[in-house]
Amino acid sequence: MGSAAAVLGTRVSLLQSGMGGVAGAELACAVSNAGAAGCVGGYKLAGEALSAVLERLVRGTDRPVGVNLIPEVVGPEELDRQVAQVLAETPDHVYVSLFGMPEGAVFERVAAAGRRTVVQVGTVEDGVHAAGHGAVVVAQGIEAGGHLLGTSRRDELVAALRDRLPDACLVAAGGIGGPAEAERAVAAGADGVLLGTAFVVAHESRAHGYFKSAVIAADASDTVITDVYEIGWPGRRHRVLATAVTADPGQPKKFIGRTVVEEKPYLVPRFSAAVPTEATSGRIEEMALYCGQSCTEVSAEASAADVVAVYAGALRSPRTTETQKRTETRVGQ
């Protein structure tokens, strides 16, 4: 398929993670307008709430941009409704991003609409399956912040997928905090990279100020893999900053805060999977502060455009040499 930039129609082979709550339309549009592939977090949004986000997204950019949905959180019927809404309410430059594998009909529906699908996976089997449906495959290593889809390290998974999928578009995710690490991912076989933690602290991110400050102050040793933040998203391990809650998961599941999502108020219980946003109040320090090992290299808040610019040189034309070598080998056989 070639570089992620060529496949998605961007200038830089850089994708932004569609982090629920954190990645609003403002962040997604800023990333896309800077030349990379932005992505808004759809999470459990549906109906009028999803329409409001999609309207802001379409109004904010005419560049390739994604809407991230999570099959295992909403289930197949609700995912089908979300996908239908995205396809009906957005133009062709909006692609569908999926965190985890959906049923096959989802791929067919998106393809029939002439849209791209990007799927984040954590195993070789899921990556091969997604590529078989023509998707851009994001290989997530355990270095990543947030929910983890597998048990492999990033470069190991990328290399294994490249071996099985010599012509697929592969994007590496997890632990990428600077151009040098991005280049290492490309050397392992990736056609581009996906960043999450670096965009948590972007000016346009909706992450709570405490969350941003904690990420900036942290290094990789401050992160832990746990399963304690399971209310709303059970059965999936996640990498977060260590908190009093990760240290003592025996605490009562009582309400510790409040938040607002698309003008609707919600109570936040201890152990909730929800991230603290600028609309959240309460015991922020006890909430799910998703953070990848790349935090070691994330040292200041910056604009989304500045983050993209840092990686532009390393990712403008990734794996050109490797692609040429594969082509020359096939031609010479």
Protein backbone atom coordinates (compact mmCIF):
# COMPACT_ATOMS: atom_id res chain seq x y z
CA MET A 1 0.00 0.00 0.00
CA GLY A 2 2.86 2.44 0.65
CA SER A 3 3.29 5.03 3.38
CA ALA A 4 0.45 5.93 5.70
CA ALA A 5 0.55 9.44 4.26
CA ALA A 6 0.01 8.14 0.74
CA VAL A 7 -2.80 5.82 1.81
CA LEU A 8 -4.70 8.36 3.92
CA GLY A 9 -3.92 11.42 1.81
CA THR A 10 -1.94 13.35 4.42
CA ARG A 11 1.43 15.06 4.17
CA VAL A 12 2.96 13.29 7.18
CA SER A 13 2.67 9.58 8.05
CA LEU A 14 1.49 10.41 11.55
CA LEU A 15 -1.85 9.44 13.08
CA GLN A 16 -3.33 10.87 16.26
CA SER A 17 -5.06 8.44 18.61
CA GLY A 18 -8.82 9.00 18.92
CA MET A 19 -8.79 9.08 22.71
CA GLY A 20 -12.29 9.20 24.17
CA GLY A 21 -12.91 12.41 26.11
CA VAL A 22 -9.46 13.82 25.38
CA ALA A 23 -9.56 13.90 21.58
CA GLY A 24 -12.35 16.29 20.71
CA ALA A 25 -13.00 17.83 17.33
CA GLU A 26 -10.66 20.74 18.14
CA LEU A 27 -7.64 18.45 18.56
CA ALA A 28 -8.53 16.23 15.61
CA CYS A 29 -8.96 19.18 13.27
CA ALA A 30 -5.76 20.86 14.45
CA VAL A 31 -3.76 17.68 13.76
CA SER A 32 -5.30 17.23 10.32
CA ASN A 33 -4.85 20.86 9.38
CA ALA A 34 -1.18 20.50 10.33
CA GLY A 35 -0.74 17.74 7.76
CA ALA A 36 -1.19 14.56 9.80
CA ALA A 37 -4.27 12.39 10.42
CA GLY A 38 -6.34 13.68 13.31
CA CYS A 39 -9.02 11.56 14.96
CA VAL A 40 -11.93 12.41 17.24
CA GLY A 41 -12.91 10.03 20.04
CA GLY A 42 -16.40 8.69 19.37
CA TYR A 43 -16.41 6.24 22.32
CA LYS A 44 -20.08 5.70 23.36
CA LEU A 45 -21.48 8.78 21.64
CA ALA A 46 -24.60 8.29 19.53
CA GLY A 47 -27.59 10.24 18.26
CA GLU A 48 -27.54 13.99 18.89
CA ALA A 49 -24.32 13.86 20.93
CA LEU A 50 -22.42 12.17 18.10
CA SER A 51 -24.00 14.51 15.55
CA ALA A 52 -22.74 17.53 17.49
CA VAL A 53 -19.18 16.16 17.42
CA LEU A 54 -19.37 15.27 13.74
CA GLU A 55 -20.65 18.73 12.87
CA ARG A 56 -17.68 20.37 14.61
CA LEU A 57 -15.31 17.93 12.94
CA VAL A 58 -16.60 18.62 9.43
CA ARG A 59 -16.69 22.35 10.03
CA GLY A 60 -13.13 22.36 11.34
CA THR A 61 -11.21 20.65 8.53
CA ASP A 62 -11.43 19.51 4.93
CA ARG A 63 -8.35 17.32 5.36
CA PRO A 64 -8.37 13.54 6.06
CA VAL A 65 -9.60 13.00 9.62
CA GLY A 66 -11.01 10.05 11.54
CA VAL A 67 -13.75 9.10 13.97
CA ASN A 68 -12.66 6.45 16.47
CA LEU A 69 -15.15 3.81 17.63
CA ILE A 70 -14.68 0.90 20.03
CA PRO A 71 -16.44 -2.35 19.03
CA GLU A 72 -16.05 -4.19 22.34
CA VAL A 73 -17.40 -1.31 24.41
CA VAL A 74 -20.61 -0.62 22.49
CA GLY A 75 -21.37 -4.03 20.99
CA PRO A 76 -22.20 -4.90 17.37
CA GLU A 77 -25.65 -3.32 17.15
CA GLU A 78 -24.65 0.04 18.59
CA LEU A 79 -21.42 0.03 16.57
CA ASP A 80 -23.48 -0.50 13.42
CA ARG A 81 -25.61 2.52 14.32
CA GLN A 82 -22.53 4.64 15.03
CA VAL A 83 -20.88 3.67 11.75
CA ALA A 84 -24.08 4.39 9.83
CA GLN A 85 -24.30 7.82 11.45
CA VAL A 86 -20.68 8.66 10.67
CA LEU A 87 -21.07 7.65 7.04
CA ALA A 88 -24.36 9.54 6.66
CA GLU A 89 -23.28 12.77 8.35
CA THR A 90 -19.71 13.26 7.10
CA PRO A 91 -18.03 13.74 3.70
CA ASP A 92 -15.57 11.37 2.06
CA HIS A 93 -12.44 12.77 3.73
CA VAL A 94 -13.60 11.35 7.08
CA TYR A 95 -12.32 7.81 7.71
CA VAL A 96 -13.52 5.24 10.26
CA SER A 97 -11.05 4.32 13.00
CA LEU A 98 -11.70 1.22 15.10
CA PHE A 99 -10.00 0.28 18.38
CA GLY A 100 -10.13 -3.50 18.23
CA MET A 101 -11.73 -5.82 15.72
CA PRO A 102 -15.34 -5.42 14.55
CA GLU A 103 -17.49 -7.94 12.73
CA GLY A 104 -16.77 -8.34 9.03
CA ALA A 105 -19.91 -6.50 7.94
CA VAL A 106 -18.47 -3.25 9.32
CA PHE A 107 -15.51 -3.42 6.94
CA GLU A 108 -17.83 -4.10 4.02
CA ARG A 109 -20.13 -1.22 4.91
CA VAL A 110 -17.30 1.30 5.20
CA ALA A 111 -15.67 0.09 1.99
CA ALA A 112 -18.98 0.27 0.13
CA ALA A 113 -19.21 3.92 1.15
CA GLY A 114 -15.79 4.56 -0.36
CA ARG A 115 -14.15 5.31 2.98
CA ARG A 116 -10.91 4.16 4.56
CA THR A 117 -10.86 1.98 7.67
CA VAL A 118 -8.06 2.14 10.24
CA VAL A 119 -7.99 -0.67 12.82
CA GLN A 120 -5.81 -0.83 15.93
CA VAL A 121 -4.81 -4.36 16.93
CA GLY A 122 -2.60 -6.07 19.47
CA THR A 123 -2.07 -9.48 17.86
CA VAL A 124 -0.75 -10.81 14.58
CA GLU A 125 -3.98 -12.71 13.95
CA ASP A 126 -6.15 -9.61 14.25
CA GLY A 127 -3.74 -7.63 12.09
CA VAL A 128 -3.83 -10.21 9.31
CA HIS A 129 -7.63 -10.29 9.52
CA ALA A 130 -7.94 -6.50 9.33
CA ALA A 131 -5.48 -6.25 6.45
CA GLY A 132 -7.50 -8.88 4.61
CA HIS A 133 -10.36 -6.39 4.61
CA GLY A 134 -8.13 -3.65 3.20
CA ALA A 135 -7.71 -1.75 6.45
CA VAL A 136 -4.75 0.30 7.58
CA VAL A 137 -3.43 -1.74 10.51
CA VAL A 138 -2.19 -0.01 13.66
CA ALA A 139 0.07 -2.36 15.64
CA GLN A 140 -0.18 -1.44 19.31
CA GLY A 141 2.61 -2.49 21.64
CA ILE A 142 2.36 -2.73 25.41
CA GLU A 143 4.41 0.48 25.69
CA ALA A 144 1.22 2.36 24.78
CA GLY A 145 -0.95 4.29 27.18
CA GLY A 146 -4.62 3.43 27.55
CA HIS A 147 -6.25 0.08 26.97
CA LEU A 148 -4.00 -2.68 25.67
CA LEU A 149 -5.05 -5.04 22.90
CA GLY A 150 -2.22 -7.56 23.25
CA THR A 151 0.91 -8.59 25.10
CA SER A 152 3.67 -7.90 22.53
CA ARG A 153 6.12 -5.05 22.43
CA ARG A 154 5.63 -2.61 19.56
CA ASP A 155 8.57 -3.44 17.32
CA GLU A 156 8.11 -7.19 17.80
CA LEU A 157 4.48 -6.94 16.68
CA VAL A 158 5.31 -4.66 13.75
CA ALA A 159 8.06 -7.00 12.55
CA ALA A 160 5.82 -10.07 12.85
CA LEU A 161 3.02 -8.35 10.96
CA ARG A 162 5.38 -7.12 8.26
CA ASP A 163 6.61 -10.66 7.77
CA ARG A 164 3.03 -11.85 7.24
CA LEU A 165 1.83 -8.72 5.40
CA PRO A 166 4.60 -7.45 3.12
CA ASP A 167 2.29 -5.11 1.21
CA ALA A 168 -0.09 -3.90 3.94
CA CYS A 169 -0.05 -0.39 5.39
CA LEU A 170 1.23 -0.83 8.95
CA VAL A 171 1.30 1.90 11.59
CA ALA A 172 3.22 1.52 14.85
CA ALA A 173 1.79 2.62 18.21
CA GLY A 174 3.23 2.62 21.71
CA GLY A 175 6.14 4.35 23.41
CA ILE A 176 6.85 6.84 20.61
CA GLY A 177 7.94 10.11 22.23
CA GLY A 178 10.24 11.60 19.61
CA PRO A 179 11.52 11.32 16.02
CA ALA A 180 14.27 8.86 16.95
CA GLU A 181 11.74 6.39 18.35
CA ALA A 182 9.53 6.95 15.31
CA GLU A 183 12.48 6.07 13.07
CA ARG A 184 13.06 2.89 15.08
CA ALA A 185 9.44 1.89 14.50
CA VAL A 186 9.84 2.53 10.77
CA ALA A 187 13.03 0.46 10.77
CA ALA A 188 11.05 -2.41 12.32
CA GLY A 189 8.70 -2.31 9.33
CA ALA A 190 6.11 0.40 9.97
CA ASP A 191 4.74 2.78 7.32
CA GLY A 192 3.97 5.46 9.89
CA VAL A 193 3.25 5.97 13.58
CA LEU A 194 0.30 6.71 15.84
CA LEU A 195 0.72 8.98 18.88
CA GLY A 196 -1.51 9.30 21.91
CA THR A 197 0.40 10.54 24.95
CA ALA A 198 2.12 13.36 23.05
CA PHE A 199 -1.32 14.71 22.10
CA VAL A 200 -2.77 14.40 25.62
CA VAL A 201 -0.72 17.47 26.54
CA ALA A 202 -1.48 19.41 23.34
CA HIS A 203 -3.09 22.83 23.77
CA GLU A 204 -6.17 21.60 21.89
CA SER A 205 -6.55 18.45 24.01
CA ARG A 206 -9.56 18.32 26.35
CA ALA A 207 -7.55 16.56 29.07
CA HIS A 208 -7.88 18.09 32.54
CA GLY A 209 -5.03 20.41 33.52
CA TYR A 210 -3.96 18.07 36.32
CA PHE A 211 -3.82 15.19 33.84
CA LYS A 212 -1.62 17.18 31.46
CA SER A 213 0.73 18.28 34.24
CA ALA A 214 1.03 14.73 35.55
CA VAL A 215 1.98 13.39 32.12
CA ILE A 216 4.57 16.13 31.61
CA ALA A 217 6.13 15.42 35.02
CA ALA A 218 6.18 11.64 34.58
CA ASP A 219 8.64 9.21 33.10
CA ALA A 220 8.08 5.62 31.98
CA SER A 221 8.68 4.21 35.47
CA ASP A 222 5.65 6.16 36.73
CA THR A 223 3.31 4.12 34.51
CA VAL A 224 1.76 0.77 35.41
CA ILE A 225 -0.27 -1.85 33.61
CA THR A 226 -3.40 -2.64 35.61
CA ASP A 227 -7.05 -3.56 35.22
CA VAL A 228 -8.52 -1.47 38.05
CA TYR A 229 -10.25 1.20 35.92
CA GLU A 230 -12.89 -1.21 34.71
CA ILE A 231 -16.24 0.53 35.24
CA GLY A 232 -17.54 1.19 31.74
CA TRP A 233 -14.85 -0.92 30.07
CA PRO A 234 -14.31 -4.24 31.88
CA GLY A 235 -11.89 -7.03 31.06
CA ARG A 236 -9.16 -5.00 29.38
CA ARG A 237 -5.75 -4.16 30.86
CA HIS A 238 -4.60 -0.56 30.57
CA ARG A 239 -1.44 1.47 31.07
CA VAL A 240 -1.93 4.48 33.34
CA LEU A 241 0.04 6.68 35.67
CA ALA A 242 0.31 5.05 39.09
CA THR A 243 -2.26 6.47 41.53
CA ALA A 244 -3.61 5.77 44.98
CA VAL A 245 -6.27 3.68 43.23
CA THR A 246 -3.79 1.47 41.37
CA ALA A 247 -1.88 1.05 44.64
CA ASP A 248 -4.97 0.03 46.62
CA PRO A 249 -7.69 -1.49 44.41
CA GLY A 250 -9.62 -2.59 47.49
CA GLN A 251 -11.11 0.86 48.05
CA PRO A 252 -14.91 1.33 47.85
CA LYS A 253 -16.47 2.07 44.47
CA LYS A 254 -18.00 5.35 45.50
CA PHE A 255 -18.46 8.54 43.48
CA ILE A 256 -15.38 10.75 43.46
CA GLY A 257 -16.28 13.38 40.90
CA ARG A 258 -18.53 14.82 38.24
CA THR A 259 -18.13 15.43 34.53
CA VAL A 260 -20.06 16.71 31.54
CA VAL A 261 -20.19 15.04 28.12
CA GLU A 262 -21.88 16.96 25.29
CA GLU A 263 -23.85 19.06 27.82
CA LYS A 264 -25.03 16.04 29.85
CA PRO A 265 -23.81 15.71 33.48
CA TYR A 266 -22.49 12.43 34.86
CA LEU A 267 -21.16 11.21 38.19
CA VAL A 268 -17.71 9.61 38.10
CA PRO A 269 -17.19 6.58 40.36
CA ARG A 270 -13.82 5.44 41.63
CA PHE A 271 -12.48 2.83 39.15
CA SER A 272 -14.28 4.46 36.21
CA ALA A 273 -12.62 4.01 32.80
CA ALA A 274 -13.50 7.62 31.95
CA VAL A 275 -10.62 10.10 31.70
CA PRO A 276 -10.71 13.43 33.53
CA THR A 277 -11.36 16.23 31.04
CA GLU A 278 -11.59 20.00 31.34
CA ALA A 279 -15.26 19.42 32.24
CA THR A 280 -14.43 17.09 35.16
CA SER A 281 -14.22 18.04 38.84
CA GLY A 282 -13.47 16.07 41.98
CA ARG A 283 -10.58 13.77 42.88
CA ILE A 284 -8.79 14.00 39.56
CA GLU A 285 -5.66 12.43 41.04
CA GLU A 286 -7.58 9.17 41.61
CA MET A 287 -9.02 8.93 38.10
CA ALA A 288 -7.73 7.04 35.05
CA LEU A 289 -4.70 8.96 33.83
CA TYR A 290 -3.86 6.97 30.70
CA CYS A 291 -0.23 7.44 29.80
CA GLY A 292 2.29 5.60 27.63
CA GLN A 293 5.97 5.04 28.26
CA SER A 294 6.68 7.85 25.80
CA CYS A 295 5.93 10.30 28.64
CA THR A 296 9.66 10.25 29.42
CA GLU A 297 10.16 12.41 26.30
CA VAL A 298 7.01 14.53 26.70
CA SER A 299 8.23 17.54 28.65
CA ALA A 300 5.93 20.46 27.83
CA GLU A 301 2.51 21.40 26.55
CA ALA A 302 2.55 22.33 22.87
CA SER A 303 0.19 22.99 20.01
CA ALA A 304 -0.91 20.05 17.89
CA ALA A 305 0.80 21.65 14.90
CA ASP A 306 4.09 21.80 16.81
CA VAL A 307 3.82 18.11 17.70
CA VAL A 308 3.27 17.21 14.05
CA ALA A 309 6.19 19.42 12.98
CA VAL A 310 8.57 17.59 15.33
CA TYR A 311 7.91 14.33 13.49
CA ALA A 312 7.49 15.64 9.94
CA GLY A 313 11.08 15.10 8.83
CA ALA A 314 11.25 11.54 10.12
CA LEU A 315 7.87 10.50 8.73
CA ARG A 316 7.29 12.34 5.48
CA SER A 317 8.37 9.36 3.35
CA PRO A 318 8.83 6.35 5.63
CA ARG A 319 10.16 3.02 4.43
CA THR A 320 10.84 4.21 0.87
CA THR A 321 14.03 2.17 0.67
CA GLU A 322 12.43 -0.94 2.16
CA THR A 323 9.46 -0.70 -0.22
CA GLN A 324 11.76 -0.31 -3.21
CA LYS A 325 13.82 -3.32 -2.11
CA ARG A 326 10.70 -5.51 -1.82
CA THR A 327 9.52 -4.40 -5.25
CA GLU A 328 12.93 -5.00 -6.84
CA THR A 329 13.12 -8.45 -5.24
CA ARG A 330 9.73 -9.46 -6.63
CA VAL A 331 10.57 -8.11 -10.10
CA GLY A 332 13.89 -9.99 -10.14
CA GLN A 333 12.36 -13.33 -9.17
